Amino acid sequence: MGRVRPTYIKRVAIELVRTHPEKFTTDYNHNKLQVSALTDVRYKRMRNRIAGYVTTYRKRPLQ
């Protein structure tokens, strides 16, 4: 079983991927930089959690 993430992390991550699909990849470090550029997240930990979920979301096969 995986970790349970708060809904606001998932909501922000999915919204970013839907509005900017070409800017995100399956590379975590690249996604961290993109989250910093596209949002005004003030805390590093929250940015990292959003980038981590974006990476997981992009690796997921289409359903």
Foldseek 3Di string as FASTA:
>chain_A
DDDDDDPVLVVVLVVCCVVCVPQDDLDLVSLLVVLVVPDVDPDSVSSSSSSVVNNVVRVDDDD
